[in-house]
Structures are given as C-alpha cells and as structure tokens.
Amino acid sequence: MTTIRTALAALAALAVAAPLAAQGTCEIETRKPYQLTSALLYINRYATAVNDADRSRLMKSTVKVLTDNPDRIKNEAGRNYLLGQIYVRWFQDAGPRIVLRAKRSDLGFTENPDGEFFLPAALDEAMGIVEREKPACADTTARYRNAVFAKVLNASINYYNAKSYDSAIVNANHALLINPRSPQVGAAYQVIANASQAKGDLTGAITSLQQAIAKMGTDAASLSSRAQATFNLAILTRDQAMKEGNDVRTVGLRRAADLFKGYLDLAPNGDNASTARAAYARSLQDAGDTAAVAGIYADMLANPGTYTAIQLFEAGVVEANGKKFAEAATLYESGLQKNPWYRDALFNAANVYMAQHQPEKMAGVMERLRVIDPMNPDVLRLVGAVWQERGKLTTDAKAKKTSQDSVIAYIERASKLPARVTITQFTPGRDNKVTIAGAIENLGATAASIAVKFELVDKDGKTVTTIPVAADGLAPKATKEFSQQVVAAGAVAWRYTMQ
C-alpha cells in the first residue's frame, strides 16, 4: 500500500545579492547636520582601515556621534541610514562567523553601555525609520538588510542540515526580523516548518508553512517552491487531522484534501502528483465524502487509457481501502495491462481478489508475483490463501482436503525460507536514472552469505539491466540494507533471483 510521507531533504544555501551601494532614485541627506558629516567621514575611513584596532575605534566613533544626544540631530532618515551601515560593517567584520549580539559599549554606545546590542532588532529599527521617512528608499535599505539576512538564513539552513533544529529555528526567526520583506522569507519559514516537523511540532510546522506559502510569489519562478510547500502542508495537515476526533478531524481532512488538490492544480505532472492524487481521495474518503471519491475515480474507471499505470495503481489502493473491491480490481487490471510486472500492484490485486473470493484470478497474478519476489514469506502465504479460498468454494471433500493440505504446505514453506528480500524504494527518475533500495534479511539460525541478482525490466518483461546485491557473512536474523542508482532506459519494474 502507498504511505503518505514527506522527506526532509537537505536544504540548499541561498544567495541574496547585497551590494552596499545606494541605487535608484532614493535620496538621503547624509552630510547635514554636522554630526552626520563626521559619521560619514568615520565610515569612509573605516572602509579603508586594515588595522583591527583602528576599525574598532572608527566604528565606536561613528556610533557615538550618531547616538549621543540624538534629539539634536534633526535628520532621522540620514542618522539611521548611517547607523544601519555601520551595523552591517560590524557584522561583516566577523568574517564567516555569525555574530549578532555584543555589549553595547563594544560598538560605541554610551547609554546603557553594559546592555546587549542585538543586531537583528537594531538593524530593523534603523532601516525601518529610513523606510518610513523615505519610502522611495526601500530598495536601498533592502540591500543592507540582505547583506545580513542571507548569511543568517544560510546559517539556519546549515543548522537544519546538521539536525540542530532549535538553532535552525532561532536563526531563521532572526533572518525574518532582519528583513521581513525579503523575497526569500518563504525559505526562512520553510526552514522553521521543516525543523518544527523534525522536532514533532506539527502545529509549528503547519503555521510556518502557511506563512511561507503566503510570502511566496505567484510567478512562474516561484511555482515549483510553492507547489512543494503546498504538498508538504497538505501532508502535515492530514497528519494532524488524523490525531483529532469527530468534527475537528473531519474539518482537518477536508482542509488537507483541498491542499492536495491545490498541489495538483499547481503541478499536475509533478514528482508528487500520483501520491497527491491518492492522498486527495483518501482524505475525502476518511472525511466521509464517498460521493466525492467516486467522482474522482469515475473517469479513471471509464477511460483508463488516459492515465499512467502508477496513477491507476494509486487509485486502486484508495478504492480497496474504501472496500470498493470491484472498482479496485478494475483499476488494478487496467494498470497491469500497462505494466504487468509491477510487484506491489500484483500483491494488492491478489488481496482484492481474495476479498472478492475469486481464487482463480488470484492464482493468475500470484504466478507472476512468485517469479518477481520469490524470497518473501508474505508471497508464499498469499499463495496459501489461494488454496484457502478454493477450499471455501468447493463442497467436494477430496478437494477440500487438498486445499487444506496446500495451505499448510505453503505456510510451512514460508516459515522455512532462508532469507527475505524487501524493496523499500523503486523510483524511475529523470535522465533514465533508476533508484532501487531495500534490505536482505537472514532468516536462518546461522550466519550466511546471500547473493541476489536484480533485473530491471520494461513493460514487456524484457531485462533492461541487472544489479547484483550481496550480503556476505550476514548474522542470523540480521539485515543488510542496500541502495543503488543505475541508468536503465525503459525500466518500469524489477524482479530478482537468488544466486
């Protein structure tokens, strides 16, 4: 069966251009009154100073002249613009380190010198005043904000990738304070959402993803990010709803269904489209809206040729979960015409036929399934179930005895398999790259070396490529995981043999 899950992939660092030069039509007076002239002189000398002591002295002089008796300076826009500049230069002087806090006296403040200077709040306050006084200068101040924002956001991403989730959240929130209007605020909220989810805080993750989506653009460049965030939000919303009861659960599931539908509207052919389509129907089904579910799959049942095998298989899962076994059987049969070797579809179809008490149809798919997945006790037990169903349908005593003996025989064979092979991922990707991952388990009582040859096959069952996998000296009851990626054009399924 298909499981809804979201992978918290490593996040990529962001690059935000942040030149420290005013551009455009913004005009800020930075030479009047005389305090600003002095501050500008200090800043210019600071920019060329190479001695750390000189730079520290010039920075303190800049801050002191701009903050001692500020009421005397009748130019708030100019005063705060220069303050913001020296704050950013102080931050950049730390090099690759992220330094956001210091004693106020370290920067040159004479008022409350032992108090804490906190750059995100100080920079937002200074540039906020400029933006209110000079609205046309928003682009100019953004360059200074972004000079700090980008570095702090990348730090939060690095913390997330290192699984330091609390630090990731703290730094992402600092970035949002530094520049709440950056085009990259969606990425900051995404970090908070991912880190919150990793900590088990569904509510925090959902809130942050909602904010991320609200801040993302609606242009073509933002489409992919918006779609992925919507998909992740749908999953989290469903997860949270399933923990609730009664009406709250129903409302949450309907909200999740709307979000899955929203993802499909944004990315109808996206990487998660099949999962989203199935989750959309499942959420409606769990919310009790059977009529809506029937409508979703009506066209699939009537026109299966217009859908992929995976889409039909996903629909079959949902219909089977809703105990609509006839519809599920039809969907599986249509999908298996397109891809007859897909292991999970064969396994699920056999279970659907068992629910319909159709052992001969069951036997047909089990014959192929045993070729595909021979070292799986569940498969042998399902063969036994074929005989069990046959026994239920006959009144002949001899036939019943044969069925009972066959059930027992297959259960015993399942219990005596020396190994189990399990596939957890089979993903045909772009550029004909196929990823296959799983595990080999030693079911025996002694150590053993187990070798398996996988064949990746096309829709006609022809071998595209082979992949050897071995577990040497595997301890009893131990498991060895494996994962390989190969180029295999046309591969749509797998099968294996023991070597």
Protein backbone atom coordinates (compact mmCIF):
# COMPACT_ATOMS: atom_id res chain seq x y z
CA MET A 1 0.00 0.00 0.00
CA THR A 2 1.09 3.58 -0.55
CA THR A 3 2.14 5.52 2.52
CA ILE A 4 1.89 9.30 2.64
CA ARG A 5 5.15 10.71 3.88
CA THR A 6 7.32 13.74 3.36
CA ALA A 7 11.05 13.59 3.13
CA LEU A 8 13.00 16.34 4.82
CA ALA A 9 15.70 16.67 2.23
CA ALA A 10 18.83 18.70 2.88
CA LEU A 11 18.20 22.35 2.13
CA ALA A 12 20.41 24.32 -0.24
CA ALA A 13 22.11 27.54 0.80
CA LEU A 14 20.67 30.70 -0.69
CA ALA A 15 22.48 33.53 -2.42
CA VAL A 16 20.98 37.00 -1.98
CA ALA A 17 22.72 39.86 -3.74
CA ALA A 18 23.54 42.60 -1.30
CA PRO A 19 25.90 45.28 -2.65
CA LEU A 20 26.48 48.11 -0.21
CA ALA A 21 25.78 50.91 -2.64
CA ALA A 22 22.67 53.02 -2.87
CA GLN A 23 20.94 52.84 -6.25
CA GLY A 24 17.84 54.23 -7.94
CA THR A 25 16.07 57.48 -7.13
CA CYS A 26 16.45 57.27 -3.38
CA GLU A 27 17.87 60.48 -1.88
CA ILE A 28 19.03 60.57 1.74
CA GLU A 29 20.86 63.57 3.17
CA THR A 30 23.94 62.20 4.96
CA ARG A 31 26.01 65.38 5.36
CA LYS A 32 23.73 67.58 7.42
CA PRO A 33 23.80 68.36 10.25
CA TYR A 34 27.50 68.26 11.09
CA GLN A 35 27.21 65.06 13.19
CA LEU A 36 26.35 63.17 10.01
CA THR A 37 29.32 64.67 8.19
CA SER A 38 31.56 63.39 10.97
CA ALA A 39 29.90 59.95 10.94
CA LEU A 40 30.27 59.69 7.16
CA LEU A 41 33.94 60.59 7.44
CA TYR A 42 34.44 57.87 10.06
CA ILE A 43 32.62 55.30 7.88
CA ASN A 44 34.74 56.15 4.83
CA ARG A 45 37.94 55.85 6.84
CA TYR A 46 36.64 52.63 8.40
CA ALA A 47 36.18 51.12 4.92
CA THR A 48 39.87 51.55 4.10
CA ALA A 49 41.37 50.82 7.53
CA VAL A 50 43.19 47.48 7.79
CA ASN A 51 44.15 47.54 11.44
CA ASP A 52 41.54 45.93 13.72
CA ALA A 53 42.14 48.46 16.46
CA ASP A 54 41.65 51.35 14.04
CA ARG A 55 38.46 49.84 12.67
CA SER A 56 37.08 49.32 16.17
CA ARG A 57 37.92 52.91 17.12
CA LEU A 58 36.30 54.30 13.97
CA MET A 59 33.19 52.18 14.46
CA LYS A 60 32.79 53.37 18.04
CA SER A 61 33.28 56.96 16.95
CA THR A 62 30.57 56.55 14.31
CA VAL A 63 28.05 55.08 16.75
CA LYS A 64 28.90 57.62 19.44
CA VAL A 65 28.43 60.67 17.22
CA LEU A 66 25.13 59.30 15.91
CA THR A 67 23.65 58.24 19.26
CA ASP A 68 24.89 60.76 21.82
CA ASN A 69 22.06 63.27 22.24
CA PRO A 70 20.28 62.09 19.07
CA ASP A 71 17.50 64.66 19.56
CA ARG A 72 19.92 67.33 18.42
CA ILE A 73 20.22 65.65 15.03
CA LYS A 74 17.23 66.83 13.04
CA ASN A 75 17.64 64.23 10.31
CA GLU A 76 16.30 60.87 11.41
CA ALA A 77 16.48 59.29 7.97
CA GLY A 78 20.15 60.20 7.48
CA ARG A 79 21.14 59.35 11.06
CA ASN A 80 19.57 55.88 10.96
CA TYR A 81 20.79 55.18 7.45
CA LEU A 82 24.39 55.69 8.60
CA LEU A 83 23.74 53.69 11.78
CA GLY A 84 22.44 50.82 9.70
CA GLN A 85 25.53 50.95 7.51
CA ILE A 86 27.96 50.72 10.43
CA TYR A 87 25.91 47.87 11.96
CA VAL A 88 26.26 45.88 8.74
CA ARG A 89 30.00 46.58 8.54
CA TRP A 90 30.42 45.42 12.14
CA PHE A 91 28.59 42.21 11.24
CA GLN A 92 30.71 41.64 8.15
CA ASP A 93 33.91 42.12 10.11
CA ALA A 94 33.17 38.87 11.94
CA GLY A 95 34.01 37.02 8.72
CA PRO A 96 32.43 33.58 8.31
CA ARG A 97 31.13 33.61 11.89
CA ILE A 98 27.59 34.70 12.68
CA VAL A 99 27.79 37.33 15.44
CA LEU A 100 24.52 39.02 16.29
CA ARG A 101 25.00 40.04 19.89
CA ALA A 102 27.54 42.16 21.77
CA LYS A 103 27.82 44.57 24.69
CA ARG A 104 26.57 47.98 23.67
CA SER A 105 29.88 49.53 24.69
CA ASP A 106 31.68 47.27 22.17
CA LEU A 107 30.00 49.23 19.40
CA GLY A 108 30.42 52.65 21.00
CA PHE A 109 27.08 53.24 22.76
CA THR A 110 27.49 55.39 25.84
CA GLU A 111 23.91 54.96 27.05
CA ASN A 112 23.44 51.66 28.91
CA PRO A 113 26.94 50.51 27.92
CA ASP A 114 26.62 47.14 29.70
CA GLY A 115 23.35 46.29 27.98
CA GLU A 116 23.04 43.96 24.99
CA PHE A 117 23.23 45.04 21.39
CA PHE A 118 21.12 42.69 19.23
CA LEU A 119 21.78 43.26 15.55
CA PRO A 120 18.50 41.94 14.01
CA ALA A 121 16.39 44.28 16.14
CA ALA A 122 18.80 47.22 15.82
CA LEU A 123 19.12 46.93 12.04
CA ASP A 124 15.37 46.53 11.57
CA GLU A 125 14.73 49.59 13.74
CA ALA A 126 17.29 51.77 11.94
CA MET A 127 16.28 50.81 8.41
CA GLY A 128 12.62 50.85 9.35
CA ILE A 129 12.90 54.51 10.29
CA VAL A 130 14.57 55.27 6.95
CA GLU A 131 11.81 53.43 5.09
CA ARG A 132 9.08 55.34 6.91
CA GLU A 133 10.80 58.68 6.35
CA LYS A 134 11.83 57.91 2.76
CA PRO A 135 9.50 55.31 1.19
CA ALA A 136 11.37 55.53 -2.12
CA CYS A 137 14.46 54.18 -0.35
CA ALA A 138 13.06 50.73 0.43
CA ASP A 139 15.22 49.09 -2.25
CA THR A 140 18.32 50.81 -0.90
CA THR A 141 17.75 49.74 2.69
CA ALA A 142 16.93 46.21 1.49
CA ARG A 143 20.49 45.89 0.22
CA TYR A 144 21.82 46.43 3.72
CA ARG A 145 19.20 44.20 5.28
CA ASN A 146 20.00 41.43 2.78
CA ALA A 147 23.72 41.67 3.47
CA VAL A 148 22.90 40.21 6.91
CA PHE A 149 19.71 38.31 6.03
CA ALA A 150 21.38 35.98 3.51
CA LYS A 151 24.17 34.98 5.86
CA VAL A 152 21.86 34.35 8.83
CA LEU A 153 19.38 32.40 6.71
CA ASN A 154 22.16 30.23 5.33
CA ALA A 155 23.32 29.61 8.89
CA SER A 156 19.83 28.41 9.78
CA ILE A 157 19.86 26.08 6.75
CA ASN A 158 23.22 24.70 7.82
CA TYR A 159 21.91 24.11 11.33
CA TYR A 160 18.90 22.29 9.91
CA ASN A 161 21.05 20.08 7.70
CA ALA A 162 23.17 19.28 10.77
CA LYS A 163 19.97 18.35 12.66
CA SER A 164 20.43 21.21 15.14
CA TYR A 165 16.77 22.06 14.84
CA ASP A 166 16.45 24.55 17.71
CA SER A 167 19.33 26.63 16.35
CA ALA A 168 17.84 26.40 12.85
CA ILE A 169 14.55 27.85 14.09
CA VAL A 170 16.24 30.59 16.13
CA ASN A 171 18.38 31.77 13.19
CA ALA A 172 15.51 31.59 10.70
CA ASN A 173 13.47 33.82 13.00
CA HIS A 174 16.42 36.21 13.29
CA ALA A 175 16.55 36.37 9.48
CA LEU A 176 12.84 37.19 9.35
CA LEU A 177 13.38 40.06 11.80
CA ILE A 178 16.31 41.39 9.77
CA ASN A 179 14.32 41.60 6.54
CA PRO A 180 10.67 40.57 6.77
CA ARG A 181 10.11 41.71 3.18
CA SER A 182 12.88 39.71 1.53
CA PRO A 183 11.82 37.60 -1.48
CA GLN A 184 13.41 34.71 0.42
CA VAL A 185 11.22 34.86 3.54
CA GLY A 186 9.42 31.80 2.21
CA ALA A 187 12.66 29.88 2.53
CA ALA A 188 13.05 31.05 6.15
CA TYR A 189 9.56 29.86 7.01
CA GLN A 190 10.32 26.58 5.22
CA VAL A 191 13.33 26.05 7.50
CA ILE A 192 11.16 26.69 10.55
CA ALA A 193 8.49 24.32 9.23
CA ASN A 194 10.95 21.53 8.45
CA ALA A 195 12.78 21.90 11.75
CA SER A 196 9.50 22.02 13.68
CA GLN A 197 8.30 18.88 11.93
CA ALA A 198 11.58 17.13 12.73
CA LYS A 199 11.02 18.01 16.40
CA GLY A 200 7.48 16.63 16.29
CA ASP A 201 5.85 20.06 16.46
CA LEU A 202 3.14 19.67 13.82
CA THR A 203 1.35 22.86 14.82
CA GLY A 204 4.50 24.94 14.50
CA ALA A 205 5.36 23.31 11.18
CA ILE A 206 1.89 23.93 9.77
CA THR A 207 1.85 27.58 10.86
CA SER A 208 5.27 28.21 9.33
CA LEU A 209 4.38 26.54 6.04
CA GLN A 210 1.21 28.61 5.82
CA GLN A 211 3.30 31.74 6.30
CA ALA A 212 5.85 30.52 3.77
CA ILE A 213 3.22 29.98 1.10
CA ALA A 214 1.63 33.36 1.82
CA LYS A 215 5.02 35.04 1.31
CA MET A 216 5.95 33.18 -1.85
CA GLY A 217 5.44 34.76 -5.23
CA THR A 218 2.79 33.65 -7.68
CA ASP A 219 5.02 33.99 -10.74
CA ALA A 220 6.43 31.13 -12.78
CA ALA A 221 9.77 31.29 -10.96
CA SER A 222 8.05 30.58 -7.63
CA LEU A 223 5.76 27.83 -8.94
CA SER A 224 7.93 24.85 -8.03
CA SER A 225 8.64 26.06 -4.49
CA ARG A 226 5.00 26.98 -3.93
CA ALA A 227 3.82 23.58 -5.16
CA GLN A 228 6.27 21.68 -2.94
CA ALA A 229 5.35 23.75 0.11
CA THR A 230 1.65 23.16 -0.58
CA PHE A 231 2.24 19.41 -0.83
CA ASN A 232 4.18 19.36 2.45
CA LEU A 233 1.50 21.44 4.15
CA ALA A 234 -1.16 19.01 2.92
CA ILE A 235 0.70 16.07 4.43
CA LEU A 236 1.18 17.79 7.79
CA THR A 237 -2.43 18.95 7.85
CA ARG A 238 -3.60 15.40 7.24
CA ASP A 239 -1.24 14.02 9.89
CA GLN A 240 -2.58 16.49 12.44
CA ALA A 241 -6.20 15.82 11.49
CA MET A 242 -5.76 12.09 11.96
CA LYS A 243 -4.83 12.74 15.59
CA GLU A 244 -8.09 14.58 16.23
CA GLY A 245 -11.57 13.22 16.77
CA ASN A 246 -15.04 13.75 15.41
CA ASP A 247 -15.79 17.07 13.73
CA VAL A 248 -12.29 18.53 14.18
CA ARG A 249 -10.84 15.54 12.34
CA THR A 250 -13.33 15.90 9.50
CA VAL A 251 -12.62 19.59 9.05
CA GLY A 252 -8.88 18.94 9.05
CA LEU A 253 -9.17 16.16 6.49
CA ARG A 254 -11.22 18.37 4.18
CA ARG A 255 -8.59 21.07 4.53
CA ALA A 256 -5.89 18.52 3.69
CA ALA A 257 -7.88 17.39 0.64
CA ASP A 258 -8.12 20.99 -0.57
CA LEU A 259 -4.37 21.36 -0.20
CA PHE A 260 -3.63 18.15 -2.10
CA LYS A 261 -5.96 19.40 -4.83
CA GLY A 262 -4.12 22.73 -4.73
CA TYR A 263 -0.82 20.95 -5.31
CA LEU A 264 -2.30 19.06 -8.27
CA ASP A 265 -3.54 22.33 -9.74
CA LEU A 266 -0.03 23.80 -9.43
CA ALA A 267 1.90 20.71 -10.56
CA PRO A 268 -0.41 18.22 -12.32
CA ASN A 269 2.61 16.32 -13.62
CA GLY A 270 4.91 16.96 -10.67
CA ASP A 271 7.05 14.37 -8.91
CA ASN A 272 4.42 14.00 -6.16
CA ALA A 273 1.35 14.04 -8.42
CA SER A 274 0.48 10.36 -8.01
CA THR A 275 0.89 10.48 -4.24
CA ALA A 276 -1.10 13.71 -4.02
CA ARG A 277 -3.91 12.32 -6.16
CA ALA A 278 -4.21 9.25 -3.95
CA ALA A 279 -3.94 11.31 -0.76
CA TYR A 280 -6.57 13.73 -2.03
CA ALA A 281 -9.05 10.89 -2.49
CA ARG A 282 -8.06 9.18 0.75
CA SER A 283 -8.53 12.38 2.74
CA LEU A 284 -12.00 12.87 1.29
CA GLN A 285 -12.79 9.23 1.97
CA ASP A 286 -11.62 9.47 5.58
CA ALA A 287 -13.71 12.62 5.94
CA GLY A 288 -16.76 10.58 4.90
CA ASP A 289 -17.26 12.15 1.48
CA THR A 290 -17.70 8.95 -0.53
CA ALA A 291 -19.56 10.74 -3.30
CA ALA A 292 -16.59 12.99 -3.98
CA VAL A 293 -14.24 9.99 -4.04
CA ALA A 294 -16.46 8.21 -6.56
CA GLY A 295 -16.36 11.30 -8.76
CA ILE A 296 -12.57 11.47 -8.64
CA TYR A 297 -12.15 7.95 -9.99
CA ALA A 298 -15.15 7.81 -12.32
CA ASP A 299 -13.10 8.99 -15.29
CA MET A 300 -10.24 6.60 -14.44
CA LEU A 301 -12.67 3.70 -14.47
CA ALA A 302 -14.28 4.86 -17.71
CA ASN A 303 -11.13 5.96 -19.55
CA PRO A 304 -8.12 4.12 -18.06
CA GLY A 305 -6.10 4.58 -21.24
CA THR A 306 -5.56 8.27 -20.49
CA TYR A 307 -3.82 7.52 -17.17
CA THR A 308 -0.45 6.03 -16.28
CA ALA A 309 -0.09 2.65 -14.64
CA ILE A 310 1.05 4.27 -11.38
CA GLN A 311 -1.98 6.56 -11.31
CA LEU A 312 -4.28 3.57 -11.77
CA PHE A 313 -2.46 1.60 -9.08
CA GLU A 314 -2.68 4.52 -6.63
CA ALA A 315 -6.41 4.78 -7.32
CA GLY A 316 -6.75 1.06 -6.72
CA VAL A 317 -5.19 1.46 -3.28
CA VAL A 318 -7.74 4.11 -2.32
CA GLU A 319 -10.70 2.14 -3.64
CA ALA A 320 -9.52 -1.00 -1.84
CA ASN A 321 -9.12 0.93 1.39
CA GLY A 322 -12.72 2.05 0.94
CA LYS A 323 -13.75 -1.59 0.41
CA LYS A 324 -14.84 -0.86 -3.15
CA PHE A 325 -13.23 -4.06 -4.32
CA ALA A 326 -14.87 -4.28 -7.75
CA GLU A 327 -13.66 -0.80 -8.65
CA ALA A 328 -10.23 -1.53 -7.19
CA ALA A 329 -9.95 -4.73 -9.23
CA THR A 330 -10.84 -2.87 -12.42
CA LEU A 331 -8.21 -0.21 -11.73
CA TYR A 332 -5.50 -2.77 -10.97
CA GLU A 333 -6.36 -4.76 -14.08
CA SER A 334 -6.16 -1.63 -16.22
CA GLY A 335 -2.83 -0.66 -14.68
CA LEU A 336 -1.38 -4.16 -15.07
CA GLN A 337 -2.15 -4.04 -18.77
CA LYS A 338 0.29 -1.14 -18.95
CA ASN A 339 2.86 -2.56 -16.51
CA PRO A 340 2.30 -6.28 -15.87
CA TRP A 341 5.42 -6.69 -13.73
CA TYR A 342 4.79 -4.13 -11.00
CA ARG A 343 5.20 -6.11 -7.79
CA ASP A 344 3.08 -4.04 -5.38
CA ALA A 345 0.18 -3.87 -7.84
CA LEU A 346 0.20 -7.65 -8.25
CA PHE A 347 0.31 -8.16 -4.48
CA ASN A 348 -2.51 -5.70 -3.88
CA ALA A 349 -4.60 -7.09 -6.73
CA ALA A 350 -4.30 -10.59 -5.24
CA ASN A 351 -5.63 -9.26 -1.93
CA VAL A 352 -8.53 -7.58 -3.73
CA TYR A 353 -9.40 -10.85 -5.50
CA MET A 354 -9.24 -12.63 -2.16
CA ALA A 355 -11.71 -10.11 -0.72
CA GLN A 356 -13.96 -10.92 -3.69
CA HIS A 357 -13.48 -14.68 -3.18
CA GLN A 358 -12.02 -15.13 -6.66
CA PRO A 359 -9.17 -17.62 -6.16
CA GLU A 360 -8.57 -18.33 -9.86
CA LYS A 361 -7.94 -14.65 -10.60
CA MET A 362 -5.80 -14.63 -7.51
CA ALA A 363 -3.80 -17.58 -8.77
CA GLY A 364 -3.13 -15.83 -12.08
CA VAL A 365 -1.41 -12.83 -10.50
CA MET A 366 0.34 -14.97 -7.89
CA GLU A 367 2.07 -16.99 -10.62
CA ARG A 368 3.76 -13.84 -11.88
CA LEU A 369 4.35 -12.48 -8.38
CA ARG A 370 6.29 -15.59 -7.35
CA VAL A 371 8.65 -15.04 -10.28
CA ILE A 372 9.19 -11.42 -9.28
CA ASP A 373 9.51 -11.78 -5.50
CA PRO A 374 10.43 -15.40 -4.69
CA MET A 375 12.16 -14.84 -1.33
CA ASN A 376 9.26 -13.24 0.51
CA PRO A 377 7.29 -15.24 3.08
CA ASP A 378 4.27 -12.96 2.57
CA VAL A 379 4.07 -14.02 -1.05
CA LEU A 380 4.07 -17.73 -0.17
CA ARG A 381 1.42 -17.18 2.48
CA LEU A 382 -0.70 -15.43 -0.12
CA VAL A 383 -0.33 -18.48 -2.38
CA GLY A 384 -1.64 -20.49 0.54
CA ALA A 385 -4.58 -18.09 0.69
CA VAL A 386 -5.43 -19.03 -2.91
CA TRP A 387 -5.93 -22.61 -1.78
CA GLN A 388 -7.84 -21.46 1.27
CA GLU A 389 -10.31 -19.61 -0.97
CA ARG A 390 -10.59 -22.61 -3.24
CA GLY A 391 -11.45 -24.75 -0.24
CA LYS A 392 -14.20 -22.34 0.77
CA LEU A 393 -15.85 -22.57 -2.63
CA THR A 394 -15.94 -26.35 -3.02
CA THR A 395 -18.22 -28.92 -1.45
CA ASP A 396 -16.12 -31.86 -2.58
CA ALA A 397 -14.46 -33.47 0.44
CA LYS A 398 -11.36 -34.53 -1.51
CA ALA A 399 -10.91 -31.05 -2.96
CA LYS A 400 -11.32 -29.52 0.49
CA LYS A 401 -8.64 -31.84 1.86
CA THR A 402 -6.29 -30.93 -0.98
CA SER A 403 -6.88 -27.24 -0.30
CA GLN A 404 -6.24 -27.63 3.43
CA ASP A 405 -3.02 -29.57 2.81
CA SER A 406 -1.86 -26.97 0.32
CA VAL A 407 -2.50 -24.12 2.75
CA ILE A 408 -0.44 -25.87 5.43
CA ALA A 409 2.34 -26.67 2.94
CA TYR A 410 2.73 -23.09 1.77
CA ILE A 411 2.67 -21.73 5.31
CA GLU A 412 5.44 -24.19 6.24
CA ARG A 413 7.45 -23.23 3.15
CA ALA A 414 7.09 -19.58 4.10
CA SER A 415 8.42 -20.29 7.58
CA LYS A 416 11.46 -22.11 6.21
CA LEU A 417 12.70 -19.51 3.72
CA PRO A 418 16.39 -18.85 4.42
CA ALA A 419 16.18 -15.16 3.61
CA ARG A 420 13.78 -12.31 2.98
CA VAL A 421 14.29 -9.67 0.29
CA THR A 422 12.39 -6.43 0.77
CA ILE A 423 12.24 -3.49 -1.63
CA THR A 424 11.53 -0.14 0.04
CA GLN A 425 12.10 2.12 -2.96
CA PHE A 426 11.88 1.76 -6.71
CA THR A 427 11.98 5.11 -8.44
CA PRO A 428 12.42 5.58 -12.19
CA GLY A 429 13.64 9.17 -12.36
CA ARG A 430 14.82 11.72 -14.87
CA ASP A 431 17.51 11.01 -17.46
CA ASN A 432 16.63 7.29 -17.29
CA LYS A 433 18.11 7.04 -13.80
CA VAL A 434 16.51 4.39 -11.61
CA THR A 435 16.94 4.08 -7.85
CA ILE A 436 16.29 0.76 -6.14
CA ALA A 437 16.70 0.29 -2.40
CA GLY A 438 15.77 -2.32 0.14
CA ALA A 439 17.16 -4.92 2.51
CA ILE A 440 18.26 -8.54 2.71
CA GLU A 441 17.41 -10.35 5.95
CA ASN A 442 18.94 -13.62 7.09
CA LEU A 443 16.00 -15.68 8.41
CA GLY A 444 18.19 -18.65 9.31
CA ALA A 445 19.75 -19.69 12.61
CA THR A 446 23.37 -19.39 11.43
CA ALA A 447 25.43 -16.79 9.60
CA ALA A 448 25.06 -16.91 5.83
CA SER A 449 26.22 -15.22 2.65
CA ILE A 450 23.28 -14.23 0.47
CA ALA A 451 23.56 -13.03 -3.12
CA VAL A 452 20.71 -11.65 -5.22
CA LYS A 453 20.60 -10.60 -8.86
CA PHE A 454 18.02 -7.92 -9.64
CA GLU A 455 16.70 -7.48 -13.14
CA LEU A 456 15.14 -4.17 -14.10
CA VAL A 457 12.54 -4.91 -16.77
CA ASP A 458 10.47 -2.96 -19.29
CA LYS A 459 6.70 -3.20 -19.70
CA ASP A 460 7.10 -6.35 -21.81
CA GLY A 461 9.15 -8.06 -19.11
CA LYS A 462 12.41 -7.79 -21.04
CA THR A 463 15.54 -7.23 -18.96
CA VAL A 464 16.99 -3.73 -19.31
CA THR A 465 19.88 -4.16 -16.88
CA THR A 466 20.96 -6.32 -13.95
CA ILE A 467 22.13 -5.31 -10.49
CA PRO A 468 23.99 -7.74 -8.19
CA VAL A 469 23.48 -7.31 -4.45
CA ALA A 470 25.29 -9.40 -1.84
CA ALA A 471 25.29 -9.75 1.93
CA ASP A 472 28.40 -11.66 2.97
CA GLY A 473 28.55 -13.38 6.35
CA LEU A 474 25.22 -11.97 7.44
CA ALA A 475 24.47 -12.87 11.06
CA PRO A 476 21.27 -14.78 11.86
CA LYS A 477 18.20 -12.53 11.98
CA ALA A 478 20.38 -9.63 10.82
CA THR A 479 19.52 -7.29 7.95
CA LYS A 480 21.70 -5.56 5.37
CA GLU A 481 20.28 -2.54 3.60
CA PHE A 482 21.22 -1.57 0.07
CA SER A 483 20.59 1.29 -2.34
CA GLN A 484 21.77 1.65 -5.93
CA GLN A 485 21.13 4.04 -8.78
CA VAL A 486 21.64 2.95 -12.38
CA VAL A 487 20.80 4.19 -15.86
CA ALA A 488 18.10 1.91 -17.26
CA ALA A 489 16.03 3.38 -20.09
CA GLY A 490 12.51 1.99 -20.16
CA ALA A 491 12.71 0.17 -16.82
CA VAL A 492 9.30 0.11 -15.13
CA ALA A 493 9.62 -2.79 -12.67
CA TRP A 494 12.01 -5.22 -11.01
CA ARG A 495 12.39 -8.91 -10.27
CA TYR A 496 15.18 -10.94 -8.72
CA THR A 497 16.67 -14.40 -8.39
CA MET A 498 18.87 -15.89 -5.69
CA GLN A 499 22.44 -16.65 -6.79
